Amino acid sequence: QVQVVESGGGLVQPGGSLRLSCAATGSIVPISVMGWYRQAPGNERELVARITRNGATNYADSVKDRFTISKDTAMNTVYLQMNSLKPEDTAVYYCYCRPWGDNYYWGQGTQVTVSS
């Protein structure tokens, strides 16, 4: 059973930084991609960033140059470094992973609130 667990959310002032972590465990095949989505109240879930096993990354235009996704060598843990945070970044952030040939697995989400 694959499990995905996020950590690192919280309350931060505009212009501040947060680092989210996501650990995936229980996969019997290598994980091909991991990433982060977010969902604000009344909005659809949107992709924030993703990273593949070979290190290729994609970002939403709204977070480029502010957020950085990275991973450990084993592709079991990913991080999302969020800098220059804005109130519009406030959302629940969900991590996901997809092992090769398998389904997507999601974490329970972590709240990020940007407010003064």
PDB file of N, CA and C in Angstrom:
ATOM      1  N   GLN A   1       0.843  -1.184   0.000  1.00  0.00           N
ATOM      2  CA  GLN A   1       0.000   0.000   0.000  1.00  0.00           C
ATOM      3  C   GLN A   1       0.893   1.254   0.000  1.00  0.00           C
ATOM      4  N   VAL A   2       0.736   2.070  -1.031  1.00  0.00           N
ATOM      5  CA  VAL A   2       1.519   3.295  -1.132  1.00  0.00           C
ATOM      6  C   VAL A   2       0.894   4.349  -0.237  1.00  0.00           C
ATOM      7  N   GLN A   3       1.733   5.001   0.527  1.00  0.00           N
ATOM      8  CA  GLN A   3       1.277   6.109   1.370  1.00  0.00           C
ATOM      9  C   GLN A   3       2.086   7.351   1.052  1.00  0.00           C
ATOM     10  N   VAL A   4       1.396   8.482   1.068  1.00  0.00           N
ATOM     11  CA  VAL A   4       2.013   9.773   0.781  1.00  0.00           C
ATOM     12  C   VAL A   4       1.706  10.701   1.956  1.00  0.00           C
ATOM     13  N   VAL A   5       2.740  11.264   2.541  1.00  0.00           N
ATOM     14  CA  VAL A   5       2.553  12.096   3.726  1.00  0.00           C
ATOM     15  C   VAL A   5       3.271  13.422   3.540  1.00  0.00           C
ATOM     16  N   GLU A   6       2.509  14.510   3.661  1.00  0.00           N
ATOM     17  CA  GLU A   6       3.072  15.854   3.541  1.00  0.00           C
ATOM     18  C   GLU A   6       3.340  16.439   4.920  1.00  0.00           C
ATOM     19  N   SER A   7       4.244  17.403   4.947  1.00  0.00           N
ATOM     20  CA  SER A   7       4.483  18.163   6.170  1.00  0.00           C
ATOM     21  C   SER A   7       5.057  19.512   5.798  1.00  0.00           C
ATOM     22  N   GLY A   8       4.993  20.443   6.747  1.00  0.00           N
ATOM     23  CA  GLY A   8       5.652  21.713   6.560  1.00  0.00           C
ATOM     24  C   GLY A   8       4.755  22.905   6.300  1.00  0.00           C
ATOM     25  N   GLY A   9       3.460  22.700   6.235  1.00  0.00           N
ATOM     26  CA  GLY A   9       2.580  23.842   6.036  1.00  0.00           C
ATOM     27  C   GLY A   9       2.496  24.717   7.264  1.00  0.00           C
ATOM     28  N   GLY A  10       1.788  25.829   7.117  1.00  0.00           N
ATOM     29  CA  GLY A  10       1.613  26.719   8.250  1.00  0.00           C
ATOM     30  C   GLY A  10       1.222  28.112   7.827  1.00  0.00           C
ATOM     31  N   LEU A  11       1.362  29.030   8.761  1.00  0.00           N
ATOM     32  CA  LEU A  11       1.024  30.430   8.539  1.00  0.00           C
ATOM     33  C   LEU A  11       2.305  31.226   8.357  1.00  0.00           C
ATOM     34  N   VAL A  12       2.321  32.042   7.323  1.00  0.00           N
ATOM     35  CA  VAL A  12       3.500  32.860   7.038  1.00  0.00           C
ATOM     36  C   VAL A  12       3.042  34.221   6.537  1.00  0.00           C
ATOM     37  N   GLN A  13       3.837  35.234   6.785  1.00  0.00           N
ATOM     38  CA  GLN A  13       3.506  36.576   6.312  1.00  0.00           C
ATOM     39  C   GLN A  13       3.847  36.715   4.838  1.00  0.00           C
ATOM     40  N   PRO A  14       3.176  37.608   4.142  1.00  0.00           N
ATOM     41  CA  PRO A  14       3.535  37.871   2.737  1.00  0.00           C
ATOM     42  C   PRO A  14       5.016  38.187   2.610  1.00  0.00           C
ATOM     43  N   GLY A  15       5.634  37.617   1.578  1.00  0.00           N
ATOM     44  CA  GLY A  15       7.066  37.778   1.374  1.00  0.00           C
ATOM     45  C   GLY A  15       7.906  36.742   2.078  1.00  0.00           C
ATOM     46  N   GLY A  16       7.289  35.944   2.925  1.00  0.00           N
ATOM     47  CA  GLY A  16       8.018  34.927   3.670  1.00  0.00           C
ATOM     48  C   GLY A  16       8.226  33.650   2.884  1.00  0.00           C
ATOM     49  N   SER A  17       8.793  32.656   3.555  1.00  0.00           N
ATOM     50  CA  SER A  17       9.124  31.382   2.924  1.00  0.00           C
ATOM     51  C   SER A  17       8.615  30.215   3.766  1.00  0.00           C
ATOM     52  N   LEU A  18       8.325  29.135   3.074  1.00  0.00           N
ATOM     53  CA  LEU A  18       7.992  27.866   3.692  1.00  0.00           C
ATOM     54  C   LEU A  18       8.593  26.751   2.858  1.00  0.00           C
ATOM     55  N   ARG A  19       8.877  25.635   3.512  1.00  0.00           N
ATOM     56  CA  ARG A  19       9.361  24.455   2.800  1.00  0.00           C
ATOM     57  C   ARG A  19       8.451  23.286   3.128  1.00  0.00           C
ATOM     58  N   LEU A  20       7.838  22.741   2.096  1.00  0.00           N
ATOM     59  CA  LEU A  20       6.997  21.559   2.256  1.00  0.00           C
ATOM     60  C   LEU A  20       7.801  20.314   1.930  1.00  0.00           C
ATOM     61  N   SER A  21       7.511  19.246   2.664  1.00  0.00           N
ATOM     62  CA  SER A  21       8.136  17.960   2.406  1.00  0.00           C
ATOM     63  C   SER A  21       7.049  16.932   2.124  1.00  0.00           C
ATOM     64  N   CYS A  22       7.408  15.927   1.353  1.00  0.00           N
ATOM     65  CA  CYS A  22       6.458  14.866   1.012  1.00  0.00           C
ATOM     66  C   CYS A  22       7.224  13.559   0.918  1.00  0.00           C
ATOM     67  N   ALA A  23       6.788  12.582   1.686  1.00  0.00           N
ATOM     68  CA  ALA A  23       7.427  11.273   1.675  1.00  0.00           C
ATOM     69  C   ALA A  23       6.454  10.223   1.161  1.00  0.00           C
ATOM     70  N   ALA A  24       6.927   9.423   0.218  1.00  0.00           N
ATOM     71  CA  ALA A  24       6.129   8.318  -0.333  1.00  0.00           C
ATOM     72  C   ALA A  24       6.752   6.996   0.100  1.00  0.00           C
ATOM     73  N   THR A  25       5.923   6.129   0.655  1.00  0.00           N
ATOM     74  CA  THR A  25       6.415   4.839   1.115  1.00  0.00           C
ATOM     75  C   THR A  25       5.508   3.725   0.612  1.00  0.00           C
ATOM     76  N   GLY A  26       6.033   2.523   0.564  1.00  0.00           N
ATOM     77  CA  GLY A  26       5.238   1.341   0.259  1.00  0.00           C
ATOM     78  C   GLY A  26       5.172   0.928  -1.194  1.00  0.00           C
ATOM     79  N   SER A  27       5.818   1.685  -2.085  1.00  0.00           N
ATOM     80  CA  SER A  27       5.761   1.297  -3.498  1.00  0.00           C
ATOM     81  C   SER A  27       6.742   0.163  -3.776  1.00  0.00           C
ATOM     82  N   ILE A  28       6.284  -0.834  -4.544  1.00  0.00           N
ATOM     83  CA  ILE A  28       7.167  -1.949  -4.865  1.00  0.00           C
ATOM     84  C   ILE A  28       7.879  -1.733  -6.207  1.00  0.00           C
ATOM     85  N   VAL A  29       7.499  -0.671  -6.911  1.00  0.00           N
ATOM     86  CA  VAL A  29       8.200  -0.310  -8.143  1.00  0.00           C
ATOM     87  C   VAL A  29       8.690   1.131  -7.993  1.00  0.00           C
ATOM     88  N   PRO A  30       9.693   1.508  -8.758  1.00  0.00           N
ATOM     89  CA  PRO A  30      10.208   2.883  -8.637  1.00  0.00           C
ATOM     90  C   PRO A  30       9.143   3.919  -8.958  1.00  0.00           C
ATOM     91  N   ILE A  31       9.232   5.039  -8.308  1.00  0.00           N
ATOM     92  CA  ILE A  31       8.301   6.135  -8.556  1.00  0.00           C
ATOM     93  C   ILE A  31       8.799   6.946  -9.736  1.00  0.00           C
ATOM     94  N   SER A  32       7.916   7.227 -10.675  1.00  0.00           N
ATOM     95  CA  SER A  32       8.317   7.917 -11.901  1.00  0.00           C
ATOM     96  C   SER A  32       8.168   9.430 -11.795  1.00  0.00           C
ATOM     97  N   VAL A  33       7.195   9.881 -11.030  1.00  0.00           N
ATOM     98  CA  VAL A  33       6.961  11.312 -10.922  1.00  0.00           C
ATOM     99  C   VAL A  33       6.325  11.618  -9.574  1.00  0.00           C
ATOM    100  N   MET A  34       6.689  12.757  -9.012  1.00  0.00           N
ATOM    101  CA  MET A  34       6.050  13.283  -7.806  1.00  0.00           C
ATOM    102  C   MET A  34       5.813  14.758  -8.015  1.00  0.00           C
ATOM    103  N   GLY A  35       4.850  15.287  -7.279  1.00  0.00           N
ATOM    104  CA  GLY A  35       4.576  16.703  -7.447  1.00  0.00           C
ATOM    105  C   GLY A  35       3.588  17.227  -6.437  1.00  0.00           C
ATOM    106  N   TRP A  36       3.234  18.479  -6.661  1.00  0.00           N
ATOM    107  CA  TRP A  36       2.336  19.186  -5.757  1.00  0.00           C
ATOM    108  C   TRP A  36       1.209  19.852  -6.543  1.00  0.00           C
ATOM    109  N   TYR A  37       0.010  19.696  -6.044  1.00  0.00           N
ATOM    110  CA  TYR A  37      -1.133  20.457  -6.483  1.00  0.00           C
ATOM    111  C   TYR A  37      -1.586  21.317  -5.302  1.00  0.00           C
ATOM    112  N   ARG A  38      -2.409  22.298  -5.580  1.00  0.00           N
ATOM    113  CA  ARG A  38      -3.006  23.078  -4.508  1.00  0.00           C
ATOM    114  C   ARG A  38      -4.455  23.395  -4.847  1.00  0.00           C
ATOM    115  N   GLN A  39      -5.233  23.622  -3.799  1.00  0.00           N
ATOM    116  CA  GLN A  39      -6.632  23.966  -3.993  1.00  0.00           C
ATOM    117  C   GLN A  39      -7.031  24.999  -2.951  1.00  0.00           C
ATOM    118  N   ALA A  40      -7.460  26.150  -3.456  1.00  0.00           N
ATOM    119  CA  ALA A  40      -7.971  27.212  -2.599  1.00  0.00           C
ATOM    120  C   ALA A  40      -9.494  27.112  -2.549  1.00  0.00           C
ATOM    121  N   PRO A  41     -10.110  27.631  -1.507  1.00  0.00           N
ATOM    122  CA  PRO A  41     -11.576  27.559  -1.408  1.00  0.00           C
ATOM    123  C   PRO A  41     -12.259  28.137  -2.631  1.00  0.00           C
ATOM    124  N   GLY A  42     -13.180  27.373  -3.207  1.00  0.00           N
ATOM    125  CA  GLY A  42     -13.921  27.830  -4.374  1.00  0.00           C
ATOM    126  C   GLY A  42     -13.195  27.655  -5.689  1.00  0.00           C
ATOM    127  N   ASN A  43     -11.963  27.173  -5.625  1.00  0.00           N
ATOM    128  CA  ASN A  43     -11.174  26.990  -6.851  1.00  0.00           C
ATOM    129  C   ASN A  43     -10.957  25.513  -7.136  1.00  0.00           C
ATOM    130  N   GLU A  44     -10.633  25.231  -8.391  1.00  0.00           N
ATOM    131  CA  GLU A  44     -10.275  23.865  -8.751  1.00  0.00           C
ATOM    132  C   GLU A  44      -8.839  23.581  -8.297  1.00  0.00           C
ATOM    133  N   ARG A  45      -8.547  22.300  -8.149  1.00  0.00           N
ATOM    134  CA  ARG A  45      -7.178  21.906  -7.819  1.00  0.00           C
ATOM    135  C   ARG A  45      -6.288  22.214  -9.016  1.00  0.00           C
ATOM    136  N   GLU A  46      -5.127  22.805  -8.774  1.00  0.00           N
ATOM    137  CA  GLU A  46      -4.222  23.175  -9.862  1.00  0.00           C
ATOM    138  C   GLU A  46      -2.819  22.647  -9.580  1.00  0.00           C
ATOM    139  N   LEU A  47      -2.133  22.325 -10.672  1.00  0.00           N
ATOM    140  CA  LEU A  47      -0.756  21.862 -10.550  1.00  0.00           C
ATOM    141  C   LEU A  47       0.133  23.015 -10.126  1.00  0.00           C
ATOM    142  N   VAL A  48       0.984  22.779  -9.152  1.00  0.00           N
ATOM    143  CA  VAL A  48       1.967  23.758  -8.714  1.00  0.00           C
ATOM    144  C   VAL A  48       3.332  23.428  -9.325  1.00  0.00           C
ATOM    145  N   ALA A  49       3.782  22.207  -9.116  1.00  0.00           N
ATOM    146  CA  ALA A  49       5.086  21.782  -9.620  1.00  0.00           C
ATOM    147  C   ALA A  49       5.144  20.268  -9.626  1.00  0.00           C
ATOM    148  N   ARG A  50       5.978  19.739 -10.525  1.00  0.00           N
ATOM    149  CA  ARG A  50       6.185  18.308 -10.601  1.00  0.00           C
ATOM    150  C   ARG A  50       7.622  18.039 -10.959  1.00  0.00           C
ATOM    151  N   ILE A  51       8.103  16.854 -10.578  1.00  0.00           N
ATOM    152  CA  ILE A  51       9.471  16.477 -10.898  1.00  0.00           C
ATOM    153  C   ILE A  51       9.491  15.004 -11.260  1.00  0.00           C
ATOM    154  N   THR A  52      10.216  14.680 -12.314  1.00  0.00           N
ATOM    155  CA  THR A  52      10.318  13.299 -12.751  1.00  0.00           C
ATOM    156  C   THR A  52      11.538  12.637 -12.132  1.00  0.00           C
ATOM    157  N   ARG A  53      11.615  11.336 -12.329  1.00  0.00           N
ATOM    158  CA  ARG A  53      12.703  10.587 -11.742  1.00  0.00           C
ATOM    159  C   ARG A  53      14.073  11.069 -12.250  1.00  0.00           C
ATOM    160  N   ASN A  54      14.107  11.511 -13.508  1.00  0.00           N
ATOM    161  CA  ASN A  54      15.387  11.978 -14.044  1.00  0.00           C
ATOM    162  C   ASN A  54      15.639  13.456 -13.761  1.00  0.00           C
ATOM    163  N   GLY A  55      14.752  14.072 -12.979  1.00  0.00           N
ATOM    164  CA  GLY A  55      14.992  15.432 -12.529  1.00  0.00           C
ATOM    165  C   GLY A  55      14.347  16.528 -13.335  1.00  0.00           C
ATOM    166  N   ALA A  56      13.587  16.177 -14.356  1.00  0.00           N
ATOM    167  CA  ALA A  56      12.892  17.207 -15.131  1.00  0.00           C
ATOM    168  C   ALA A  56      11.773  17.822 -14.293  1.00  0.00           C
ATOM    169  N   THR A  57      11.626  19.129 -14.398  1.00  0.00           N
ATOM    170  CA  THR A  57      10.636  19.836 -13.581  1.00  0.00           C
ATOM    171  C   THR A  57       9.675  20.652 -14.437  1.00  0.00           C
ATOM    172  N   ASN A  58       8.489  20.857 -13.898  1.00  0.00           N
ATOM    173  CA  ASN A  58       7.488  21.734 -14.492  1.00  0.00           C
ATOM    174  C   ASN A  58       6.869  22.566 -13.373  1.00  0.00           C
ATOM    175  N   TYR A  59       6.552  23.821 -13.697  1.00  0.00           N
ATOM    176  CA  TYR A  59       5.962  24.722 -12.718  1.00  0.00           C
ATOM    177  C   TYR A  59       4.770  25.447 -13.313  1.00  0.00           C
ATOM    178  N   ALA A  60       3.816  25.776 -12.462  1.00  0.00           N
ATOM    179  CA  ALA A  60       2.754  26.681 -12.871  1.00  0.00           C
ATOM    180  C   ALA A  60       3.369  28.057 -13.098  1.00  0.00           C
ATOM    181  N   ASP A  61       2.835  28.787 -14.062  1.00  0.00           N
ATOM    182  CA  ASP A  61       3.369  30.119 -14.350  1.00  0.00           C
ATOM    183  C   ASP A  61       3.321  31.020 -13.118  1.00  0.00           C
ATOM    184  N   SER A  62       2.318  30.825 -12.274  1.00  0.00           N
ATOM    185  CA  SER A  62       2.125  31.704 -11.123  1.00  0.00           C
ATOM    186  C   SER A  62       3.186  31.525 -10.046  1.00  0.00           C
ATOM    187  N   VAL A  63       3.947  30.433 -10.117  1.00  0.00           N
ATOM    188  CA  VAL A  63       4.946  30.184  -9.070  1.00  0.00           C
ATOM    189  C   VAL A  63       6.373  30.142  -9.603  1.00  0.00           C
ATOM    190  N   LYS A  64       6.528  30.228 -10.916  1.00  0.00           N
ATOM    191  CA  LYS A  64       7.876  30.205 -11.483  1.00  0.00           C
ATOM    192  C   LYS A  64       8.715  31.307 -10.873  1.00  0.00           C
ATOM    193  N   ASP A  65       9.983  31.010 -10.633  1.00  0.00           N
ATOM    194  CA  ASP A  65      10.952  31.946 -10.062  1.00  0.00           C
ATOM    195  C   ASP A  65      10.728  32.207  -8.584  1.00  0.00           C
ATOM    196  N   ARG A  66       9.683  31.592  -7.993  1.00  0.00           N
ATOM    197  CA  ARG A  66       9.464  31.734  -6.555  1.00  0.00           C
ATOM    198  C   ARG A  66       9.527  30.386  -5.838  1.00  0.00           C
ATOM    199  N   PHE A  67       9.037  29.343  -6.498  1.00  0.00           N
ATOM    200  CA  PHE A  67       9.002  28.007  -5.911  1.00  0.00           C
ATOM    201  C   PHE A  67      10.030  27.114  -6.591  1.00  0.00           C
ATOM    202  N   THR A  68      10.589  26.192  -5.815  1.00  0.00           N
ATOM    203  CA  THR A  68      11.537  25.223  -6.358  1.00  0.00           C
ATOM    204  C   THR A  68      11.196  23.839  -5.821  1.00  0.00           C
ATOM    205  N   ILE A  69      11.031  22.906  -6.744  1.00  0.00           N
ATOM    206  CA  ILE A  69      10.786  21.523  -6.350  1.00  0.00           C
ATOM    207  C   ILE A  69      12.086  20.748  -6.475  1.00  0.00           C
ATOM    208  N   SER A  70      12.325  19.860  -5.518  1.00  0.00           N
ATOM    209  CA  SER A  70      13.524  19.034  -5.560  1.00  0.00           C
ATOM    210  C   SER A  70      13.181  17.662  -4.978  1.00  0.00           C
ATOM    211  N   LYS A  71      14.112  16.734  -5.126  1.00  0.00           N
ATOM    212  CA  LYS A  71      13.856  15.374  -4.679  1.00  0.00           C
ATOM    213  C   LYS A  71      15.123  14.780  -4.103  1.00  0.00           C
ATOM    214  N   ASP A  72      14.943  13.685  -3.354  1.00  0.00           N
ATOM    215  CA  ASP A  72      16.112  12.945  -2.919  1.00  0.00           C
ATOM    216  C   ASP A  72      16.525  11.966  -4.018  1.00  0.00           C
ATOM    217  N   THR A  73      17.697  11.390  -3.874  1.00  0.00           N
ATOM    218  CA  THR A  73      18.235  10.527  -4.928  1.00  0.00           C
ATOM    219  C   THR A  73      17.327   9.331  -5.194  1.00  0.00           C
ATOM    220  N   ALA A  74      16.735   8.805  -4.160  1.00  0.00           N
ATOM    221  CA  ALA A  74      15.917   7.598  -4.283  1.00  0.00           C
ATOM    222  C   ALA A  74      14.522   7.891  -4.806  1.00  0.00           C
ATOM    223  N   MET A  75      14.196   9.145  -4.996  1.00  0.00           N
ATOM    224  CA  MET A  75      12.853   9.532  -5.459  1.00  0.00           C
ATOM    225  C   MET A  75      11.788   9.010  -4.506  1.00  0.00           C
ATOM    226  N   ASN A  76      12.031   9.133  -3.211  1.00  0.00           N
ATOM    227  CA  ASN A  76      11.031   8.802  -2.216  1.00  0.00           C
ATOM    228  C   ASN A  76      10.515  10.036  -1.494  1.00  0.00           C
ATOM    229  N   THR A  77      11.243  11.107  -1.595  1.00  0.00           N
ATOM    230  CA  THR A  77      10.887  12.339  -0.905  1.00  0.00           C
ATOM    231  C   THR A  77      11.083  13.513  -1.847  1.00  0.00           C
ATOM    232  N   VAL A  78      10.103  14.386  -1.861  1.00  0.00           N
ATOM    233  CA  VAL A  78      10.244  15.623  -2.625  1.00  0.00           C
ATOM    234  C   VAL A  78      10.012  16.806  -1.689  1.00  0.00           C
ATOM    235  N   TYR A  79      10.545  17.932  -2.091  1.00  0.00           N
ATOM    236  CA  TYR A  79      10.448  19.153  -1.314  1.00  0.00           C
ATOM    237  C   TYR A  79       9.931  20.273  -2.212  1.00  0.00           C
ATOM    238  N   LEU A  80       9.224  21.181  -1.614  1.00  0.00           N
ATOM    239  CA  LEU A  80       8.780  22.362  -2.329  1.00  0.00           C
ATOM    240  C   LEU A  80       9.205  23.576  -1.514  1.00  0.00           C
ATOM    241  N   GLN A  81      10.236  24.253  -1.998  1.00  0.00           N
ATOM    242  CA  GLN A  81      10.698  25.481  -1.356  1.00  0.00           C
ATOM    243  C   GLN A  81       9.896  26.636  -1.928  1.00  0.00           C
ATOM    244  N   MET A  82       9.177  27.325  -1.059  1.00  0.00           N
ATOM    245  CA  MET A  82       8.313  28.413  -1.503  1.00  0.00           C
ATOM    246  C   MET A  82       8.833  29.721  -0.930  1.00  0.00           C
ATOM    247  N   ASN A  83       9.249  30.601  -1.802  1.00  0.00           N
ATOM    248  CA  ASN A  83       9.767  31.909  -1.403  1.00  0.00           C
ATOM    249  C   ASN A  83       8.847  33.017  -1.919  1.00  0.00           C
ATOM    250  N   SER A  84       9.022  34.187  -1.364  1.00  0.00           N
ATOM    251  CA  SER A  84       8.236  35.365  -1.788  1.00  0.00           C
ATOM    252  C   SER A  84       6.750  35.037  -1.826  1.00  0.00           C
ATOM    253  N   LEU A  85       6.276  34.432  -0.778  1.00  0.00           N
ATOM    254  CA  LEU A  85       4.885  33.983  -0.752  1.00  0.00           C
ATOM    255  C   LEU A  85       3.915  35.151  -0.788  1.00  0.00           C
ATOM    256  N   LYS A  86       2.804  34.914  -1.471  1.00  0.00           N
ATOM    257  CA  LYS A  86       1.761  35.916  -1.641  1.00  0.00           C
ATOM    258  C   LYS A  86       0.452  35.386  -1.039  1.00  0.00           C
ATOM    259  N   PRO A  87      -0.443  36.295  -0.679  1.00  0.00           N
ATOM    260  CA  PRO A  87      -1.736  35.836  -0.160  1.00  0.00           C
ATOM    261  C   PRO A  87      -2.448  34.868  -1.096  1.00  0.00           C
ATOM    262  N   GLU A  88      -2.277  35.066  -2.397  1.00  0.00           N
ATOM    263  CA  GLU A  88      -2.937  34.177  -3.349  1.00  0.00           C
ATOM    264  C   GLU A  88      -2.323  32.776  -3.395  1.00  0.00           C
ATOM    265  N   ASP A  89      -1.232  32.560  -2.694  1.00  0.00           N
ATOM    266  CA  ASP A  89      -0.674  31.207  -2.567  1.00  0.00           C
ATOM    267  C   ASP A  89      -1.386  30.408  -1.480  1.00  0.00           C
ATOM    268  N   THR A  90      -2.255  31.070  -0.724  1.00  0.00           N
ATOM    269  CA  THR A  90      -2.998  30.383   0.324  1.00  0.00           C
ATOM    270  C   THR A  90      -3.861  29.280  -0.263  1.00  0.00           C
ATOM    271  N   ALA A  91      -3.678  28.070   0.238  1.00  0.00           N
ATOM    272  CA  ALA A  91      -4.401  26.910  -0.283  1.00  0.00           C
ATOM    273  C   ALA A  91      -4.018  25.682   0.538  1.00  0.00           C
ATOM    274  N   VAL A  92      -4.735  24.617   0.291  1.00  0.00           N
ATOM    275  CA  VAL A  92      -4.291  23.306   0.771  1.00  0.00           C
ATOM    276  C   VAL A  92      -3.399  22.714  -0.308  1.00  0.00           C
ATOM    277  N   TYR A  93      -2.217  22.303   0.077  1.00  0.00           N
ATOM    278  CA  TYR A  93      -1.246  21.756  -0.863  1.00  0.00           C
ATOM    279  C   TYR A  93      -1.231  20.233  -0.731  1.00  0.00           C
ATOM    280  N   TYR A  94      -1.420  19.581  -1.872  1.00  0.00           N
ATOM    281  CA  TYR A  94      -1.484  18.122  -1.913  1.00  0.00           C
ATOM    282  C   TYR A  94      -0.287  17.581  -2.691  1.00  0.00           C
ATOM    283  N   CYS A  95       0.356  16.612  -2.117  1.00  0.00           N
ATOM    284  CA  CYS A  95       1.451  15.922  -2.790  1.00  0.00           C
ATOM    285  C   CYS A  95       0.920  14.653  -3.436  1.00  0.00           C
ATOM    286  N   TYR A  96       1.525  14.273  -4.541  1.00  0.00           N
ATOM    287  CA  TYR A  96       1.157  13.019  -5.186  1.00  0.00           C
ATOM    288  C   TYR A  96       2.405  12.310  -5.685  1.00  0.00           C
ATOM    289  N   CYS A  97       2.257  11.025  -5.890  1.00  0.00           N
ATOM    290  CA  CYS A  97       3.320  10.261  -6.541  1.00  0.00           C
ATOM    291  C   CYS A  97       2.679   9.272  -7.499  1.00  0.00           C
ATOM    292  N   ARG A  98       3.437   8.876  -8.496  1.00  0.00           N
ATOM    293  CA  ARG A  98       2.974   7.848  -9.412  1.00  0.00           C
ATOM    294  C   ARG A  98       4.100   6.867  -9.680  1.00  0.00           C
ATOM    295  N   PRO A  99       3.973   5.672  -9.112  1.00  0.00           N
ATOM    296  CA  PRO A  99       4.947   4.632  -9.439  1.00  0.00           C
ATOM    297  C   PRO A  99       4.776   4.187 -10.890  1.00  0.00           C
ATOM    298  N   TRP A 100       5.830   3.640 -11.480  1.00  0.00           N
ATOM    299  CA  TRP A 100       5.774   3.177 -12.869  1.00  0.00           C
ATOM    300  C   TRP A 100       4.601   2.222 -13.081  1.00  0.00           C
ATOM    301  N   GLY A 101       3.759   2.542 -14.081  1.00  0.00           N
ATOM    302  CA  GLY A 101       2.657   1.658 -14.442  1.00  0.00           C
ATOM    303  C   GLY A 101       1.561   1.546 -13.397  1.00  0.00           C
ATOM    304  N   ASP A 102       1.549   2.447 -12.431  1.00  0.00           N
ATOM    305  CA  ASP A 102       0.586   2.352 -11.337  1.00  0.00           C
ATOM    306  C   ASP A 102      -0.290   3.594 -11.331  1.00  0.00           C
ATOM    307  N   ASN A 103      -1.159   3.644 -10.334  1.00  0.00           N
ATOM    308  CA  ASN A 103      -2.058   4.775 -10.191  1.00  0.00           C
ATOM    309  C   ASN A 103      -1.347   5.959  -9.544  1.00  0.00           C
ATOM    310  N   TYR A 104      -2.075   7.070  -9.476  1.00  0.00           N
ATOM    311  CA  TYR A 104      -1.628   8.221  -8.707  1.00  0.00           C
ATOM    312  C   TYR A 104      -2.048   8.008  -7.249  1.00  0.00           C
ATOM    313  N   TYR A 105      -1.173   8.372  -6.351  1.00  0.00           N
ATOM    314  CA  TYR A 105      -1.462   8.307  -4.927  1.00  0.00           C
ATOM    315  C   TYR A 105      -1.297   9.705  -4.341  1.00  0.00           C
ATOM    316  N   TRP A 106      -2.222  10.042  -3.454  1.00  0.00           N
ATOM    317  CA  TRP A 106      -2.284  11.409  -2.921  1.00  0.00           C
ATOM    318  C   TRP A 106      -2.120  11.422  -1.412  1.00  0.00           C
ATOM    319  N   GLY A 107      -1.531  12.523  -0.934  1.00  0.00           N
ATOM    320  CA  GLY A 107      -1.489  12.761   0.489  1.00  0.00           C
ATOM    321  C   GLY A 107      -2.763  13.425   0.976  1.00  0.00           C
ATOM    322  N   GLN A 108      -2.807  13.661   2.263  1.00  0.00           N
ATOM    323  CA  GLN A 108      -4.021  14.218   2.865  1.00  0.00           C
ATOM    324  C   GLN A 108      -4.087  15.739   2.746  1.00  0.00           C
ATOM    325  N   GLY A 109      -2.992  16.356   2.364  1.00  0.00           N
ATOM    326  CA  GLY A 109      -2.951  17.794   2.196  1.00  0.00           C
ATOM    327  C   GLY A 109      -2.393  18.511   3.409  1.00  0.00           C
ATOM    328  N   THR A 110      -1.768  19.649   3.155  1.00  0.00           N
ATOM    329  CA  THR A 110      -1.256  20.489   4.232  1.00  0.00           C
ATOM    330  C   THR A 110      -1.631  21.944   3.927  1.00  0.00           C
ATOM    331  N   GLN A 111      -2.103  22.633   4.943  1.00  0.00           N
ATOM    332  CA  GLN A 111      -2.593  23.997   4.747  1.00  0.00           C
ATOM    333  C   GLN A 111      -1.436  24.984   4.750  1.00  0.00           C
ATOM    334  N   VAL A 112      -1.444  25.848   3.743  1.00  0.00           N
ATOM    335  CA  VAL A 112      -0.516  26.976   3.682  1.00  0.00           C
ATOM    336  C   VAL A 112      -1.354  28.252   3.687  1.00  0.00           C
ATOM    337  N   THR A 113      -1.105  29.102   4.649  1.00  0.00           N
ATOM    338  CA  THR A 113      -1.824  30.369   4.763  1.00  0.00           C
ATOM    339  C   THR A 113      -0.826  31.507   4.756  1.00  0.00           C
ATOM    340  N   VAL A 114      -1.017  32.425   3.804  1.00  0.00           N
ATOM    341  CA  VAL A 114      -0.148  33.593   3.687  1.00  0.00           C
ATOM    342  C   VAL A 114      -0.970  34.818   4.062  1.00  0.00           C
ATOM    343  N   SER A 115      -0.652  35.385   5.204  1.00  0.00           N
ATOM    344  CA  SER A 115      -1.461  36.493   5.708  1.00  0.00           C
ATOM    345  C   SER A 115      -0.651  37.300   6.711  1.00  0.00           C
ATOM    346  N   SER A 116      -0.939  38.595   6.735  1.00  0.00           N
ATOM    347  CA  SER A 116      -0.299  39.450   7.730  1.00  0.00           C
ATOM    348  C   SER A 116      -1.181  39.594   8.963  1.00  0.00           C
TER     349      SER A 116
END
